[in-house]
């Protein structure tokens, strides 16, 4: 049996709770913690950022849903583009 601190795995706990668990559970929790740490490290290395990071940043990343008029305009633009491409010579 291994003794673990639940606060290491559940940071929302307000009191320090220690618990005896089997070796298998301790290893699984340890692997999960390492996987979470490596995920955070990869995010940082690849310059990924959270939408919660900077106020006003969401407008640069997320787009509002298209209106039906905008969808129709895009469809017409695509149809005109493909028609123009279809009239090009083979070479």
Protein backbone atom coordinates (compact mmCIF):
# COMPACT_ATOMS: atom_id res chain seq x y z
CA UNK A 1 0.00 0.00 0.00
CA UNK A 2 1.16 3.48 -0.87
CA UNK A 3 0.15 6.71 0.83
CA UNK A 4 -0.78 9.58 -1.49
CA UNK A 5 -1.94 13.15 -0.91
CA UNK A 6 -5.20 13.72 -2.75
CA UNK A 7 -4.43 17.45 -2.97
CA UNK A 8 -1.70 16.65 -5.51
CA UNK A 9 -4.32 15.17 -7.85
CA UNK A 10 -7.39 17.22 -6.89
CA UNK A 11 -6.26 20.82 -6.30
CA UNK A 12 -9.79 22.00 -5.54
CA UNK A 13 -9.73 20.20 -2.18
CA UNK A 14 -9.42 22.68 0.67
CA UNK A 15 -8.03 20.32 3.32
CA UNK A 16 -5.03 18.04 3.17
CA UNK A 17 -6.26 14.48 2.66
CA UNK A 18 -3.92 11.49 2.70
CA UNK A 19 -5.10 8.11 1.56
CA UNK A 20 -3.61 4.64 1.36
CA UNK A 21 -4.08 3.11 -2.09
CA UNK A 22 -2.79 0.05 -3.85
CA UNK A 23 0.44 0.25 -5.84
CA UNK A 24 -1.48 -0.04 -9.13
CA UNK A 25 -3.63 3.00 -8.38
CA UNK A 26 -0.59 5.04 -7.29
CA UNK A 27 1.23 4.18 -10.55
CA UNK A 28 -1.85 5.07 -12.62
CA UNK A 29 -2.20 8.45 -10.89
CA UNK A 30 1.51 9.11 -11.37
CA UNK A 31 1.33 8.29 -15.10
CA UNK A 32 -1.71 10.52 -15.49
CA UNK A 33 0.10 13.40 -13.81
CA UNK A 34 3.13 12.98 -16.07
CA UNK A 35 0.91 12.86 -19.16
CA UNK A 36 -0.81 16.09 -18.09
CA UNK A 37 2.55 17.77 -17.49
CA UNK A 38 3.89 16.68 -20.88
CA UNK A 39 0.70 17.92 -22.58
CA UNK A 40 1.10 21.33 -20.95
CA UNK A 41 4.77 21.39 -21.97
CA UNK A 42 3.90 20.56 -25.61
CA UNK A 43 1.26 23.31 -25.64
CA UNK A 44 3.81 25.80 -24.37
CA UNK A 45 6.50 24.64 -26.83
CA UNK A 46 4.15 24.96 -29.81
CA UNK A 47 2.93 28.42 -28.74
CA UNK A 48 -0.64 27.31 -28.16
CA UNK A 49 -2.59 29.66 -25.97
CA UNK A 50 -5.81 29.62 -24.07
CA UNK A 51 -8.79 31.72 -25.05
CA UNK A 52 -8.98 32.70 -21.39
CA UNK A 53 -5.49 34.21 -21.51
CA UNK A 54 -5.98 37.71 -22.84
CA UNK A 55 -9.23 39.67 -22.85
CA UNK A 56 -10.28 40.55 -26.38
CA UNK A 57 -8.22 37.73 -27.87
CA UNK A 58 -11.33 35.66 -28.63
CA UNK A 59 -12.40 37.95 -31.46
CA UNK A 60 -9.19 37.16 -33.34
CA UNK A 61 -9.65 33.42 -33.06
CA UNK A 62 -13.33 32.59 -32.96
CA UNK A 63 -15.73 33.61 -35.67
CA UNK A 64 -19.44 34.25 -35.24
CA UNK A 65 -21.74 31.89 -37.13
CA UNK A 66 -22.51 32.86 -40.71
CA UNK A 67 -25.88 34.30 -41.55
CA UNK A 68 -27.94 32.63 -44.30
CA UNK A 69 -27.16 35.55 -46.61
CA UNK A 70 -23.42 35.12 -46.07
CA UNK A 71 -23.70 31.39 -46.75
CA UNK A 72 -25.50 32.09 -50.04
CA UNK A 73 -22.91 34.69 -51.06
CA UNK A 74 -20.08 32.25 -50.34
CA UNK A 75 -21.82 29.53 -52.36
CA UNK A 76 -22.25 31.93 -55.30
CA UNK A 77 -18.60 33.02 -55.07
CA UNK A 78 -17.44 29.40 -55.03
CA UNK A 79 -19.68 28.54 -57.99
CA UNK A 80 -18.28 31.50 -59.99
CA UNK A 81 -14.71 30.51 -59.06
CA UNK A 82 -15.20 26.88 -60.11
CA UNK A 83 -16.87 27.97 -63.35
CA UNK A 84 -13.88 30.21 -64.14
CA UNK A 85 -11.47 27.39 -63.32
CA UNK A 86 -13.45 25.05 -65.56
CA UNK A 87 -12.99 27.43 -68.54
CA UNK A 88 -9.19 27.46 -68.20
CA UNK A 89 -7.16 25.60 -70.83
CA UNK A 90 -5.75 22.21 -69.75
CA UNK A 91 -2.16 23.44 -69.51
